[in-house]
Amino acid sequence: FMIENEALSRHEGFENFFEIETQLIYEIHHLEKDRAKKS
């Protein structure tokens, strides 16, 4: 966990990962498949 946490700190965008995933699940649940594919 500590190693991975340190590695991820060197990459941008991961702070938004679960926000994007939540959006993806919302889009699937609302049958918005084209938006879901992009997410």
Full PDB file with SEQRES, HELIX, SHEET, SSBOND, CRYST1, ORIGX, SCALE, CONECT and MASTER records, all heavy atoms in Angstrom:
SEQRES   1 A   39  PHE MET ILE GLU ASN GLU ALA LEU SER ARG HIS GLU GLY          
SEQRES   2 A   39  PHE GLU ASN PHE PHE GLU ILE GLU THR GLN LEU ILE TYR          
SEQRES   3 A   39  GLU ILE HIS HIS LEU GLU LYS ASP ARG ALA LYS LYS SER          
HELIX    1 AA1 MET A    2  LEU A    8  1                                   7    
HELIX    2 AA2 PHE A   14  ASN A   16  5                                   3    
HELIX    3 AA3 PHE A   17  HIS A   29  1                                  13    
HELIX    4 AA4 LYS A   33  LYS A   38  1                                   6    
CRYST1    1.000    1.000    1.000  90.00  90.00  90.00 P 1           1          
ORIGX1      1.000000  0.000000  0.000000        0.00000                         
ORIGX2      0.000000  1.000000  0.000000        0.00000                         
ORIGX3      0.000000  0.000000  1.000000        0.00000                         
SCALE1      1.000000  0.000000  0.000000        0.00000                         
SCALE2      0.000000  1.000000  0.000000        0.00000                         
SCALE3      0.000000  0.000000  1.000000        0.00000                         
ATOM      1  N   PHE A   1       0.832  -1.205   0.000  1.00  0.00           N  
ATOM      2  CA  PHE A   1       0.000   0.000   0.000  1.00  0.00           C  
ATOM      3  C   PHE A   1       0.869   1.258   0.000  1.00  0.00           C  
ATOM      4  O   PHE A   1       0.625   2.201  -0.762  1.00  0.00           O  
ATOM      5  CB  PHE A   1      -0.930  -0.013   1.210  1.00  0.00           C  
ATOM      6  CG  PHE A   1      -1.610   1.307   1.475  1.00  0.00           C  
ATOM      7  CD1 PHE A   1      -2.626   1.760   0.660  1.00  0.00           C  
ATOM      8  CD2 PHE A   1      -1.209   2.092   2.547  1.00  0.00           C  
ATOM      9  CE1 PHE A   1      -3.241   2.984   0.897  1.00  0.00           C  
ATOM     10  CE2 PHE A   1      -1.811   3.303   2.795  1.00  0.00           C  
ATOM     11  CZ  PHE A   1      -2.832   3.755   1.966  1.00  0.00           C  
ATOM     12  N   MET A   2       1.889   1.279   0.845  1.00  0.00           N  
ATOM     13  CA  MET A   2       2.768   2.441   0.919  1.00  0.00           C  
ATOM     14  C   MET A   2       3.522   2.641  -0.387  1.00  0.00           C  
ATOM     15  O   MET A   2       3.682   3.774  -0.866  1.00  0.00           O  
ATOM     16  CB  MET A   2       3.752   2.281   2.092  1.00  0.00           C  
ATOM     17  CG  MET A   2       3.080   2.200   3.455  1.00  0.00           C  
ATOM     18  SD  MET A   2       2.084   3.670   3.826  1.00  0.00           S  
ATOM     19  CE  MET A   2       3.351   4.938   3.862  1.00  0.00           C  
ATOM     20  N   ILE A   3       3.984   1.538  -0.976  1.00  0.00           N  
ATOM     21  CA  ILE A   3       4.713   1.626  -2.249  1.00  0.00           C  
ATOM     22  C   ILE A   3       3.807   2.178  -3.344  1.00  0.00           C  
ATOM     23  O   ILE A   3       4.190   3.068  -4.116  1.00  0.00           O  
ATOM     24  CB  ILE A   3       5.269   0.243  -2.651  1.00  0.00           C  
ATOM     25  CG1 ILE A   3       6.359  -0.201  -1.667  1.00  0.00           C  
ATOM     26  CG2 ILE A   3       5.804   0.268  -4.079  1.00  0.00           C  
ATOM     27  CD1 ILE A   3       6.822  -1.637  -1.871  1.00  0.00           C  
ATOM     28  N   GLU A   4       2.584   1.635  -3.411  1.00  0.00           N  
ATOM     29  CA  GLU A   4       1.638   2.061  -4.447  1.00  0.00           C  
ATOM     30  C   GLU A   4       1.232   3.517  -4.238  1.00  0.00           C  
ATOM     31  O   GLU A   4       1.120   4.288  -5.201  1.00  0.00           O  
ATOM     32  CB  GLU A   4       0.399   1.164  -4.442  1.00  0.00           C  
ATOM     33  CG  GLU A   4      -0.575   1.423  -5.574  1.00  0.00           C  
ATOM     34  CD  GLU A   4       0.009   1.114  -6.937  1.00  0.00           C  
ATOM     35  OE1 GLU A   4       0.943   0.287  -7.031  1.00  0.00           O  
ATOM     36  OE2 GLU A   4      -0.480   1.707  -7.924  1.00  0.00           O  
ATOM     37  N   ASN A   5       1.018   3.893  -3.004  1.00  0.00           N  
ATOM     38  CA  ASN A   5       0.628   5.275  -2.706  1.00  0.00           C  
ATOM     39  C   ASN A   5       1.718   6.248  -3.154  1.00  0.00           C  
ATOM     40  O   ASN A   5       1.436   7.312  -3.715  1.00  0.00           O  
ATOM     41  CB  ASN A   5       0.373   5.420  -1.207  1.00  0.00           C  
ATOM     42  CG  ASN A   5      -0.259   6.750  -0.857  1.00  0.00           C  
ATOM     43  OD1 ASN A   5      -1.261   7.141  -1.439  1.00  0.00           O  
ATOM     44  ND2 ASN A   5       0.330   7.444   0.096  1.00  0.00           N  
ATOM     45  N   GLU A   6       2.958   5.861  -2.919  1.00  0.00           N  
ATOM     46  CA  GLU A   6       4.083   6.698  -3.334  1.00  0.00           C  
ATOM     47  C   GLU A   6       4.172   6.771  -4.857  1.00  0.00           C  
ATOM     48  O   GLU A   6       4.416   7.847  -5.434  1.00  0.00           O  
ATOM     49  CB  GLU A   6       5.383   6.127  -2.753  1.00  0.00           C  
ATOM     50  CG  GLU A   6       6.639   6.898  -3.137  1.00  0.00           C  
ATOM     51  CD  GLU A   6       6.677   8.295  -2.548  1.00  0.00           C  
ATOM     52  OE1 GLU A   6       6.013   8.518  -1.521  1.00  0.00           O  
ATOM     53  OE2 GLU A   6       7.354   9.163  -3.126  1.00  0.00           O  
ATOM     54  N   ALA A   7       3.962   5.641  -5.511  1.00  0.00           N  
ATOM     55  CA  ALA A   7       4.040   5.603  -6.982  1.00  0.00           C  
ATOM     56  C   ALA A   7       2.959   6.472  -7.610  1.00  0.00           C  
ATOM     57  O   ALA A   7       3.199   7.199  -8.586  1.00  0.00           O  
ATOM     58  CB  ALA A   7       3.923   4.159  -7.469  1.00  0.00           C  
ATOM     59  N   LEU A   8       1.762   6.400  -7.057  1.00  0.00           N  
ATOM     60  CA  LEU A   8       0.647   7.170  -7.622  1.00  0.00           C  
ATOM     61  C   LEU A   8       0.830   8.673  -7.447  1.00  0.00           C  
ATOM     62  O   LEU A   8       0.279   9.461  -8.225  1.00  0.00           O  
ATOM     63  CB  LEU A   8      -0.674   6.725  -6.992  1.00  0.00           C  
ATOM     64  CG  LEU A   8      -1.203   5.362  -7.431  1.00  0.00           C  
ATOM     65  CD1 LEU A   8      -2.476   5.007  -6.662  1.00  0.00           C  
ATOM     66  CD2 LEU A   8      -1.489   5.344  -8.934  1.00  0.00           C  
ATOM     67  N   SER A   9       1.586   9.058  -6.446  1.00  0.00           N  
ATOM     68  CA  SER A   9       1.821  10.486  -6.229  1.00  0.00           C  
ATOM     69  C   SER A   9       2.603  11.104  -7.377  1.00  0.00           C  
ATOM     70  O   SER A   9       2.626  12.333  -7.536  1.00  0.00           O  
ATOM     71  CB  SER A   9       2.560  10.703  -4.909  1.00  0.00           C  
ATOM     72  OG  SER A   9       3.883  10.182  -4.976  1.00  0.00           O  
ATOM     73  N   ARG A  10       3.252  10.256  -8.194  1.00  0.00           N  
ATOM     74  CA  ARG A  10       4.016  10.762  -9.332  1.00  0.00           C  
ATOM     75  C   ARG A  10       3.185  10.837 -10.607  1.00  0.00           C  
ATOM     76  O   ARG A  10       3.692  11.209 -11.660  1.00  0.00           O  
ATOM     77  CB  ARG A  10       5.245   9.863  -9.564  1.00  0.00           C  
ATOM     78  CG  ARG A  10       6.224   9.860  -8.399  1.00  0.00           C  
ATOM     79  CD  ARG A  10       7.532   9.195  -8.773  1.00  0.00           C  
ATOM     80  NE  ARG A  10       7.379   7.767  -9.016  1.00  0.00           N  
ATOM     81  CZ  ARG A  10       7.493   6.833  -8.070  1.00  0.00           C  
ATOM     82  NH1 ARG A  10       7.751   7.193  -6.818  1.00  0.00           N  
ATOM     83  NH2 ARG A  10       7.346   5.566  -8.364  1.00  0.00           N  
ATOM     84  N   HIS A  11       1.907  10.452 -10.528  1.00  0.00           N  
ATOM     85  CA  HIS A  11       1.036  10.482 -11.704  1.00  0.00           C  
ATOM     86  C   HIS A  11      -0.143  11.413 -11.450  1.00  0.00           C  
ATOM     87  O   HIS A  11      -0.724  11.412 -10.355  1.00  0.00           O  
ATOM     88  CB  HIS A  11       0.516   9.070 -12.021  1.00  0.00           C  
ATOM     89  CG  HIS A  11       1.599   8.097 -12.379  1.00  0.00           C  
ATOM     90  ND1 HIS A  11       2.149   8.025 -13.620  1.00  0.00           N  
ATOM     91  CD2 HIS A  11       2.238   7.160 -11.619  1.00  0.00           C  
ATOM     92  CE1 HIS A  11       3.081   7.076 -13.648  1.00  0.00           C  
ATOM     93  NE2 HIS A  11       3.155   6.539 -12.440  1.00  0.00           N  
ATOM     94  N   GLU A  12      -0.488  12.175 -12.441  1.00  0.00           N  
ATOM     95  CA  GLU A  12      -1.601  13.109 -12.312  1.00  0.00           C  
ATOM     96  C   GLU A  12      -2.920  12.445 -12.685  1.00  0.00           C  
ATOM     97  O   GLU A  12      -2.962  11.543 -13.512  1.00  0.00           O  
ATOM     98  CB  GLU A  12      -1.377  14.335 -13.199  1.00  0.00           C  
ATOM     99  CG  GLU A  12      -0.176  15.180 -12.795  1.00  0.00           C  
ATOM    100  CD  GLU A  12      -0.050  16.412 -13.665  1.00  0.00           C  
ATOM    101  OE1 GLU A  12      -0.874  16.585 -14.585  1.00  0.00           O  
ATOM    102  OE2 GLU A  12       0.885  17.205 -13.420  1.00  0.00           O  
ATOM    103  N   GLY A  13      -3.993  12.910 -12.088  1.00  0.00           N  
ATOM    104  CA  GLY A  13      -5.333  12.488 -12.498  1.00  0.00           C  
ATOM    105  C   GLY A  13      -5.987  11.466 -11.604  1.00  0.00           C  
ATOM    106  O   GLY A  13      -7.210  11.298 -11.644  1.00  0.00           O  
ATOM    107  N   PHE A  14      -5.179  10.756 -10.791  1.00  0.00           N  
ATOM    108  CA  PHE A  14      -5.768   9.674 -10.002  1.00  0.00           C  
ATOM    109  C   PHE A  14      -6.668  10.181  -8.880  1.00  0.00           C  
ATOM    110  O   PHE A  14      -7.500   9.428  -8.370  1.00  0.00           O  
ATOM    111  CB  PHE A  14      -4.673   8.764  -9.440  1.00  0.00           C  
ATOM    112  CG  PHE A  14      -4.255   7.694 -10.396  1.00  0.00           C  
ATOM    113  CD1 PHE A  14      -3.190   7.896 -11.257  1.00  0.00           C  
ATOM    114  CD2 PHE A  14      -4.952   6.487 -10.481  1.00  0.00           C  
ATOM    115  CE1 PHE A  14      -2.811   6.921 -12.171  1.00  0.00           C  
ATOM    116  CE2 PHE A  14      -4.585   5.511 -11.387  1.00  0.00           C  
ATOM    117  CZ  PHE A  14      -3.515   5.726 -12.231  1.00  0.00           C  
ATOM    118  N   GLU A  15      -6.524  11.438  -8.520  1.00  0.00           N  
ATOM    119  CA  GLU A  15      -7.419  11.978  -7.505  1.00  0.00           C  
ATOM    120  C   GLU A  15      -8.860  12.038  -8.016  1.00  0.00           C  
ATOM    121  O   GLU A  15      -9.809  12.142  -7.230  1.00  0.00           O  
ATOM    122  CB  GLU A  15      -6.963  13.375  -7.061  1.00  0.00           C  
ATOM    123  CG  GLU A  15      -7.009  14.433  -8.151  1.00  0.00           C  
ATOM    124  CD  GLU A  15      -5.754  14.464  -9.024  1.00  0.00           C  
ATOM    125  OE1 GLU A  15      -4.894  13.569  -8.846  1.00  0.00           O  
ATOM    126  OE2 GLU A  15      -5.638  15.369  -9.854  1.00  0.00           O  
ATOM    127  N   ASN A  16      -9.018  11.943  -9.342  1.00  0.00           N  
ATOM    128  CA  ASN A  16     -10.358  11.972  -9.942  1.00  0.00           C  
ATOM    129  C   ASN A  16     -10.877  10.589 -10.328  1.00  0.00           C  
ATOM    130  O   ASN A  16     -11.959  10.477 -10.900  1.00  0.00           O  
ATOM    131  CB  ASN A  16     -10.347  12.860 -11.201  1.00  0.00           C  
ATOM    132  CG  ASN A  16      -9.976  14.290 -10.892  1.00  0.00           C  
ATOM    133  OD1 ASN A  16     -10.382  14.833  -9.867  1.00  0.00           O  
ATOM    134  ND2 ASN A  16      -9.201  14.907 -11.766  1.00  0.00           N  
ATOM    135  N   PHE A  17     -10.089   9.538 -10.040  1.00  0.00           N  
ATOM    136  CA  PHE A  17     -10.452   8.202 -10.535  1.00  0.00           C  
ATOM    137  C   PHE A  17     -11.836   7.773 -10.077  1.00  0.00           C  
ATOM    138  O   PHE A  17     -12.688   7.379 -10.877  1.00  0.00           O  
ATOM    139  CB  PHE A  17      -9.412   7.171 -10.080  1.00  0.00           C  
ATOM    140  CG  PHE A  17      -9.613   5.809 -10.686  1.00  0.00           C  
ATOM    141  CD1 PHE A  17      -8.980   5.459 -11.866  1.00  0.00           C  
ATOM    142  CD2 PHE A  17     -10.448   4.863 -10.086  1.00  0.00           C  
ATOM    143  CE1 PHE A  17      -9.166   4.214 -12.446  1.00  0.00           C  
ATOM    144  CE2 PHE A  17     -10.644   3.618 -10.647  1.00  0.00           C  
ATOM    145  CZ  PHE A  17      -9.999   3.290 -11.835  1.00  0.00           C  
ATOM    146  N   PHE A  18     -12.091   7.854  -8.781  1.00  0.00           N  
ATOM    147  CA  PHE A  18     -13.365   7.351  -8.266  1.00  0.00           C  
ATOM    148  C   PHE A  18     -14.515   8.295  -8.596  1.00  0.00           C  
ATOM    149  O   PHE A  18     -15.672   7.864  -8.681  1.00  0.00           O  
ATOM    150  CB  PHE A  18     -13.266   7.090  -6.759  1.00  0.00           C  
ATOM    151  CG  PHE A  18     -12.370   5.917  -6.448  1.00  0.00           C  
ATOM    152  CD1 PHE A  18     -11.122   6.114  -5.874  1.00  0.00           C  
ATOM    153  CD2 PHE A  18     -12.762   4.629  -6.763  1.00  0.00           C  
ATOM    154  CE1 PHE A  18     -10.290   5.038  -5.613  1.00  0.00           C  
ATOM    155  CE2 PHE A  18     -11.939   3.538  -6.505  1.00  0.00           C  
ATOM    156  CZ  PHE A  18     -10.695   3.746  -5.929  1.00  0.00           C  
ATOM    157  N   GLU A  19     -14.208   9.549  -8.798  1.00  0.00           N  
ATOM    158  CA  GLU A  19     -15.240  10.485  -9.268  1.00  0.00           C  
ATOM    159  C   GLU A  19     -15.691  10.097 -10.680  1.00  0.00           C  
ATOM    160  O   GLU A  19     -16.887  10.086 -10.984  1.00  0.00           O  
ATOM    161  CB  GLU A  19     -14.689  11.907  -9.258  1.00  0.00           C  
ATOM    162  CG  GLU A  19     -15.684  12.957  -9.743  1.00  0.00           C  
ATOM    163  CD  GLU A  19     -15.092  14.351  -9.750  1.00  0.00           C  
ATOM    164  OE1 GLU A  19     -14.166  14.618  -8.962  1.00  0.00           O  
ATOM    165  OE2 GLU A  19     -15.557  15.186 -10.555  1.00  0.00           O  
ATOM    166  N   ILE A  20     -14.715   9.764 -11.529  1.00  0.00           N  
ATOM    167  CA  ILE A  20     -15.045   9.328 -12.897  1.00  0.00           C  
ATOM    168  C   ILE A  20     -15.788   8.000 -12.857  1.00  0.00           C  
ATOM    169  O   ILE A  20     -16.755   7.785 -13.586  1.00  0.00           O  
ATOM    170  CB  ILE A  20     -13.765   9.203 -13.755  1.00  0.00           C  
ATOM    171  CG1 ILE A  20     -13.068  10.555 -13.878  1.00  0.00           C  
ATOM    172  CG2 ILE A  20     -14.106   8.661 -15.147  1.00  0.00           C  
ATOM    173  CD1 ILE A  20     -11.677  10.469 -14.484  1.00  0.00           C  
ATOM    174  N   GLU A  21     -15.362   7.092 -11.973  1.00  0.00           N  
ATOM    175  CA  GLU A  21     -16.025   5.805 -11.861  1.00  0.00           C  
ATOM    176  C   GLU A  21     -17.464   5.968 -11.394  1.00  0.00           C  
ATOM    177  O   GLU A  21     -18.376   5.297 -11.914  1.00  0.00           O  
ATOM    178  CB  GLU A  21     -15.270   4.900 -10.897  1.00  0.00           C  
ATOM    179  CG  GLU A  21     -15.861   3.504 -10.800  1.00  0.00           C  
ATOM    180  CD  GLU A  21     -15.117   2.630  -9.807  1.00  0.00           C  
ATOM    181  OE1 GLU A  21     -15.290   2.846  -8.593  1.00  0.00           O  
ATOM    182  OE2 GLU A  21     -14.362   1.744 -10.251  1.00  0.00           O  
ATOM    183  N   THR A  22     -17.691   6.857 -10.441  1.00  0.00           N  
ATOM    184  CA  THR A  22     -19.058   7.129  -9.984  1.00  0.00           C  
ATOM    185  C   THR A  22     -19.902   7.665 -11.124  1.00  0.00           C  
ATOM    186  O   THR A  22     -21.072   7.284 -11.295  1.00  0.00           O  
ATOM    187  CB  THR A  22     -19.036   8.152  -8.826  1.00  0.00           C  
ATOM    188  OG1 THR A  22     -18.292   7.601  -7.731  1.00  0.00           O  
ATOM    189  CG2 THR A  22     -20.455   8.473  -8.358  1.00  0.00           C  
ATOM    190  N   GLN A  23     -19.311   8.539 -11.933  1.00  0.00           N  
ATOM    191  CA  GLN A  23     -20.010   9.072 -13.102  1.00  0.00           C  
ATOM    192  C   GLN A  23     -20.319   7.950 -14.092  1.00  0.00           C  
ATOM    193  O   GLN A  23     -21.422   7.887 -14.648  1.00  0.00           O  
ATOM    194  CB  GLN A  23     -19.140  10.136 -13.772  1.00  0.00           C  
ATOM    195  CG  GLN A  23     -19.730  10.735 -15.050  1.00  0.00           C  
ATOM    196  CD  GLN A  23     -18.782  11.760 -15.668  1.00  0.00           C  
ATOM    197  OE1 GLN A  23     -18.074  12.473 -14.959  1.00  0.00           O  
ATOM    198  NE2 GLN A  23     -18.764  11.825 -16.990  1.00  0.00           N  
ATOM    199  N   LEU A  24     -19.350   7.051 -14.298  1.00  0.00           N  
ATOM    200  CA  LEU A  24     -19.543   5.916 -15.197  1.00  0.00           C  
ATOM    201  C   LEU A  24     -20.721   5.058 -14.756  1.00  0.00           C  
ATOM    202  O   LEU A  24     -21.587   4.700 -15.574  1.00  0.00           O  
ATOM    203  CB  LEU A  24     -18.271   5.069 -15.237  1.00  0.00           C  
ATOM    204  CG  LEU A  24     -18.370   3.691 -15.902  1.00  0.00           C  
ATOM    205  CD1 LEU A  24     -18.683   3.831 -17.389  1.00  0.00           C  
ATOM    206  CD2 LEU A  24     -17.086   2.905 -15.693  1.00  0.00           C  
ATOM    207  N   ILE A  25     -20.786   4.733 -13.478  1.00  0.00           N  
ATOM    208  CA  ILE A  25     -21.863   3.892 -12.960  1.00  0.00           C  
ATOM    209  C   ILE A  25     -23.212   4.596 -13.116  1.00  0.00           C  
ATOM    210  O   ILE A  25     -24.215   3.973 -13.467  1.00  0.00           O  
ATOM    211  CB  ILE A  25     -21.582   3.516 -11.492  1.00  0.00           C  
ATOM    212  CG1 ILE A  25     -20.353   2.599 -11.438  1.00  0.00           C  
ATOM    213  CG2 ILE A  25     -22.783   2.815 -10.867  1.00  0.00           C  
ATOM    214  CD1 ILE A  25     -19.824   2.382 -10.036  1.00  0.00           C  
ATOM    215  N   TYR A  26     -23.218   5.906 -12.871  1.00  0.00           N  
ATOM    216  CA  TYR A  26     -24.446   6.690 -13.058  1.00  0.00           C  
ATOM    217  C   TYR A  26     -24.897   6.617 -14.517  1.00  0.00           C  
ATOM    218  O   TYR A  26     -26.084   6.421 -14.812  1.00  0.00           O  
ATOM    219  CB  TYR A  26     -24.204   8.139 -12.654  1.00  0.00           C  
ATOM    220  CG  TYR A  26     -25.373   9.061 -12.941  1.00  0.00           C  
ATOM    221  CD1 TYR A  26     -26.375   9.263 -11.982  1.00  0.00           C  
ATOM    222  CD2 TYR A  26     -25.476   9.730 -14.155  1.00  0.00           C  
ATOM    223  CE1 TYR A  26     -27.449  10.102 -12.249  1.00  0.00           C  
ATOM    224  CE2 TYR A  26     -26.542  10.568 -14.429  1.00  0.00           C  
ATOM    225  CZ  TYR A  26     -27.523  10.750 -13.470  1.00  0.00           C  
ATOM    226  OH  TYR A  26     -28.591  11.574 -13.754  1.00  0.00           O  
ATOM    227  N   GLU A  27     -23.959   6.771 -15.435  1.00  0.00           N  
ATOM    228  CA  GLU A  27     -24.289   6.767 -16.869  1.00  0.00           C  
ATOM    229  C   GLU A  27     -24.806   5.402 -17.310  1.00  0.00           C  
ATOM    230  O   GLU A  27     -25.763   5.317 -18.083  1.00  0.00           O  
ATOM    231  CB  GLU A  27     -23.053   7.174 -17.680  1.00  0.00           C  
ATOM    232  CG  GLU A  27     -22.699   8.644 -17.512  1.00  0.00           C  
ATOM    233  CD  GLU A  27     -21.277   8.981 -17.923  1.00  0.00           C  
ATOM    234  OE1 GLU A  27     -20.460   8.046 -18.127  1.00  0.00           O  
ATOM    235  OE2 GLU A  27     -20.956  10.174 -18.011  1.00  0.00           O  
ATOM    236  N   ILE A  28     -24.189   4.337 -16.813  1.00  0.00           N  
ATOM    237  CA  ILE A  28     -24.675   3.000 -17.140  1.00  0.00           C  
ATOM    238  C   ILE A  28     -26.077   2.805 -16.583  1.00  0.00           C  
ATOM    239  O   ILE A  28     -26.977   2.328 -17.273  1.00  0.00           O  
ATOM    240  CB  ILE A  28     -23.720   1.922 -16.586  1.00  0.00           C  
ATOM    241  CG1 ILE A  28     -22.366   1.992 -17.294  1.00  0.00           C  
ATOM    242  CG2 ILE A  28     -24.340   0.526 -16.760  1.00  0.00           C  
ATOM    243  CD1 ILE A  28     -21.312   1.091 -16.668  1.00  0.00           C  
ATOM    244  N   HIS A  29     -26.267   3.188 -15.324  1.00  0.00           N  
ATOM    245  CA  HIS A  29     -27.556   3.009 -14.660  1.00  0.00           C  
ATOM    246  C   HIS A  29     -28.660   3.782 -15.376  1.00  0.00           C  
ATOM    247  O   HIS A  29     -29.817   3.344 -15.401  1.00  0.00           O  
ATOM    248  CB  HIS A  29     -27.467   3.458 -13.208  1.00  0.00           C  
ATOM    249  CG  HIS A  29     -28.686   3.140 -12.399  1.00  0.00           C  
ATOM    250  ND1 HIS A  29     -29.003   1.855 -12.019  1.00  0.00           N  
ATOM    251  CD2 HIS A  29     -29.682   3.933 -11.932  1.00  0.00           C  
ATOM    252  CE1 HIS A  29     -30.145   1.875 -11.340  1.00  0.00           C  
ATOM    253  NE2 HIS A  29     -30.574   3.121 -11.268  1.00  0.00           N  
ATOM    254  N   HIS A  30     -28.310   4.914 -15.992  1.00  0.00           N  
ATOM    255  CA  HIS A  30     -29.287   5.726 -16.714  1.00  0.00           C  
ATOM    256  C   HIS A  30     -29.244   5.457 -18.217  1.00  0.00           C  
ATOM    257  O   HIS A  30     -29.766   6.247 -19.015  1.00  0.00           O  
ATOM    258  CB  HIS A  30     -29.066   7.211 -16.418  1.00  0.00           C  
ATOM    259  CG  HIS A  30     -29.474   7.595 -15.029  1.00  0.00           C  
ATOM    260  ND1 HIS A  30     -28.667   7.365 -13.921  1.00  0.00           N  
ATOM    261  CD2 HIS A  30     -30.614   8.162 -14.545  1.00  0.00           C  
ATOM    262  CE1 HIS A  30     -29.289   7.783 -12.833  1.00  0.00           C  
ATOM    263  NE2 HIS A  30     -30.468   8.265 -13.176  1.00  0.00           N  
ATOM    264  N   LEU A  31     -28.602   4.361 -18.596  1.00  0.00           N  
ATOM    265  CA  LEU A  31     -28.595   3.851 -19.971  1.00  0.00           C  
ATOM    266  C   LEU A  31     -27.958   4.819 -20.962  1.00  0.00           C  
ATOM    267  O   LEU A  31     -28.286   4.812 -22.154  1.00  0.00           O  
ATOM    268  CB  LEU A  31     -30.030   3.504 -20.419  1.00  0.00           C  
ATOM    269  CG  LEU A  31     -30.882   2.694 -19.427  1.00  0.00           C  
ATOM    270  CD1 LEU A  31     -32.235   2.362 -20.035  1.00  0.00           C  
ATOM    271  CD2 LEU A  31     -30.155   1.422 -19.008  1.00  0.00           C  
ATOM    272  N   GLU A  32     -27.015   5.643 -20.479  1.00  0.00           N  
ATOM    273  CA  GLU A  32     -26.312   6.591 -21.338  1.00  0.00           C  
ATOM    274  C   GLU A  32     -25.022   5.937 -21.836  1.00  0.00           C  
ATOM    275  O   GLU A  32     -23.909   6.270 -21.426  1.00  0.00           O  
ATOM    276  CB  GLU A  32     -26.006   7.873 -20.563  1.00  0.00           C  
ATOM    277  CG  GLU A  32     -27.255   8.592 -20.061  1.00  0.00           C  
ATOM    278  CD  GLU A  32     -26.938   9.780 -19.174  1.00  0.00           C  
ATOM    279  OE1 GLU A  32     -25.741  10.063 -18.938  1.00  0.00           O  
ATOM    280  OE2 GLU A  32     -27.877  10.430 -18.705  1.00  0.00           O  
ATOM    281  N   LYS A  33     -25.184   4.990 -22.747  1.00  0.00           N  
ATOM    282  CA  LYS A  33     -24.049   4.128 -23.087  1.00  0.00           C  
ATOM    283  C   LYS A  33     -22.918   4.860 -23.798  1.00  0.00           C  
ATOM    284  O   LYS A  33     -21.746   4.525 -23.589  1.00  0.00           O  
ATOM    285  CB  LYS A  33     -24.515   2.924 -23.905  1.00  0.00           C  
ATOM    286  CG  LYS A  33     -25.139   3.234 -25.246  1.00  0.00           C  
ATOM    287  CD  LYS A  33     -25.576   1.945 -25.922  1.00  0.00           C  
ATOM    288  CE  LYS A  33     -26.205   2.217 -27.285  1.00  0.00           C  
ATOM    289  NZ  LYS A  33     -26.660   0.970 -27.927  1.00  0.00           N  
ATOM    290  N   ASP A  34     -23.204   5.854 -24.638  1.00  0.00           N  
ATOM    291  CA  ASP A  34     -22.126   6.560 -25.333  1.00  0.00           C  
ATOM    292  C   ASP A  34     -21.265   7.346 -24.346  1.00  0.00           C  
ATOM    293  O   ASP A  34     -20.036   7.346 -24.442  1.00  0.00           O  
ATOM    294  CB  ASP A  34     -22.706   7.499 -26.400  1.00  0.00           C  
ATOM    295  CG  ASP A  34     -23.323   6.736 -27.566  1.00  0.00           C  
ATOM    296  OD1 ASP A  34     -22.900   5.588 -27.796  1.00  0.00           O  
ATOM    297  OD2 ASP A  34     -24.214   7.281 -28.229  1.00  0.00           O  
ATOM    298  N   ARG A  35     -21.915   8.007 -23.389  1.00  0.00           N  
ATOM    299  CA  ARG A  35     -21.154   8.713 -22.359  1.00  0.00           C  
ATOM    300  C   ARG A  35     -20.398   7.733 -21.479  1.00  0.00           C  
ATOM    301  O   ARG A  35     -19.258   7.996 -21.074  1.00  0.00           O  
ATOM    302  CB  ARG A  35     -22.102   9.560 -21.511  1.00  0.00           C  
ATOM    303  CG  ARG A  35     -22.693  10.755 -22.241  1.00  0.00           C  
ATOM    304  CD  ARG A  35     -23.521  11.617 -21.308  1.00  0.00           C  
ATOM    305  NE  ARG A  35     -24.055  12.779 -21.976  1.00  0.00           N  
ATOM    306  CZ  ARG A  35     -24.776  13.727 -21.388  1.00  0.00           C  
ATOM    307  NH1 ARG A  35     -25.036  13.623 -20.087  1.00  0.00           N  
ATOM    308  NH2 ARG A  35     -25.226  14.761 -22.061  1.00  0.00           N  
ATOM    309  N   ALA A  36     -21.024   6.599 -21.183  1.00  0.00           N  
ATOM    310  CA  ALA A  36     -20.367   5.594 -20.346  1.00  0.00           C  
ATOM    311  C   ALA A  36     -19.110   5.059 -21.021  1.00  0.00           C  
ATOM    312  O   ALA A  36     -18.077   4.838 -20.362  1.00  0.00           O  
ATOM    313  CB  ALA A  36     -21.336   4.454 -20.046  1.00  0.00           C  
ATOM    314  N   LYS A  37     -19.165   4.862 -22.322  1.00  0.00           N  
ATOM    315  CA  LYS A  37     -17.986   4.374 -23.055  1.00  0.00           C  
ATOM    316  C   LYS A  37     -16.838   5.376 -22.951  1.00  0.00           C  
ATOM    317  O   LYS A  37     -15.675   4.993 -22.779  1.00  0.00           O  
ATOM    318  CB  LYS A  37     -18.346   4.114 -24.515  1.00  0.00           C  
ATOM    319  CG  LYS A  37     -19.249   2.905 -24.723  1.00  0.00           C  
ATOM    320  CD  LYS A  37     -19.647   2.748 -26.185  1.00  0.00           C  
ATOM    321  CE  LYS A  37     -20.606   1.569 -26.364  1.00  0.00           C  
ATOM    322  NZ  LYS A  37     -21.043   1.407 -27.777  1.00  0.00           N  
ATOM    323  N   LYS A  38     -17.158   6.666 -23.030  1.00  0.00           N  
ATOM    324  CA  LYS A  38     -16.126   7.694 -22.919  1.00  0.00           C  
ATOM    325  C   LYS A  38     -15.545   7.731 -21.505  1.00  0.00           C  
ATOM    326  O   LYS A  38     -14.324   7.883 -21.331  1.00  0.00           O  
ATOM    327  CB  LYS A  38     -16.705   9.063 -23.292  1.00  0.00           C  
ATOM    328  CG  LYS A  38     -17.054   9.199 -24.775  1.00  0.00           C  
ATOM    329  CD  LYS A  38     -17.671  10.560 -25.077  1.00  0.00           C  
ATOM    330  CE  LYS A  38     -18.044  10.666 -26.555  1.00  0.00           C  
ATOM    331  NZ  LYS A  38     -18.688  11.977 -26.865  1.00  0.00           N  
ATOM    332  N   SER A  39     -16.399   7.595 -20.510  1.00  0.00           N  
ATOM    333  CA  SER A  39     -15.910   7.592 -19.130  1.00  0.00           C  
ATOM    334  C   SER A  39     -14.997   6.403 -18.868  1.00  0.00           C  
ATOM    335  O   SER A  39     -13.966   6.521 -18.196  1.00  0.00           O  
ATOM    336  CB  SER A  39     -17.088   7.575 -18.147  1.00  0.00           C  
ATOM    337  OG  SER A  39     -17.843   8.771 -18.240  1.00  0.00           O  
TER     338      SER A  39                                                      
MASTER        0    0    0    4    0    0    0    6  337    1    0    3          
END                                                                             
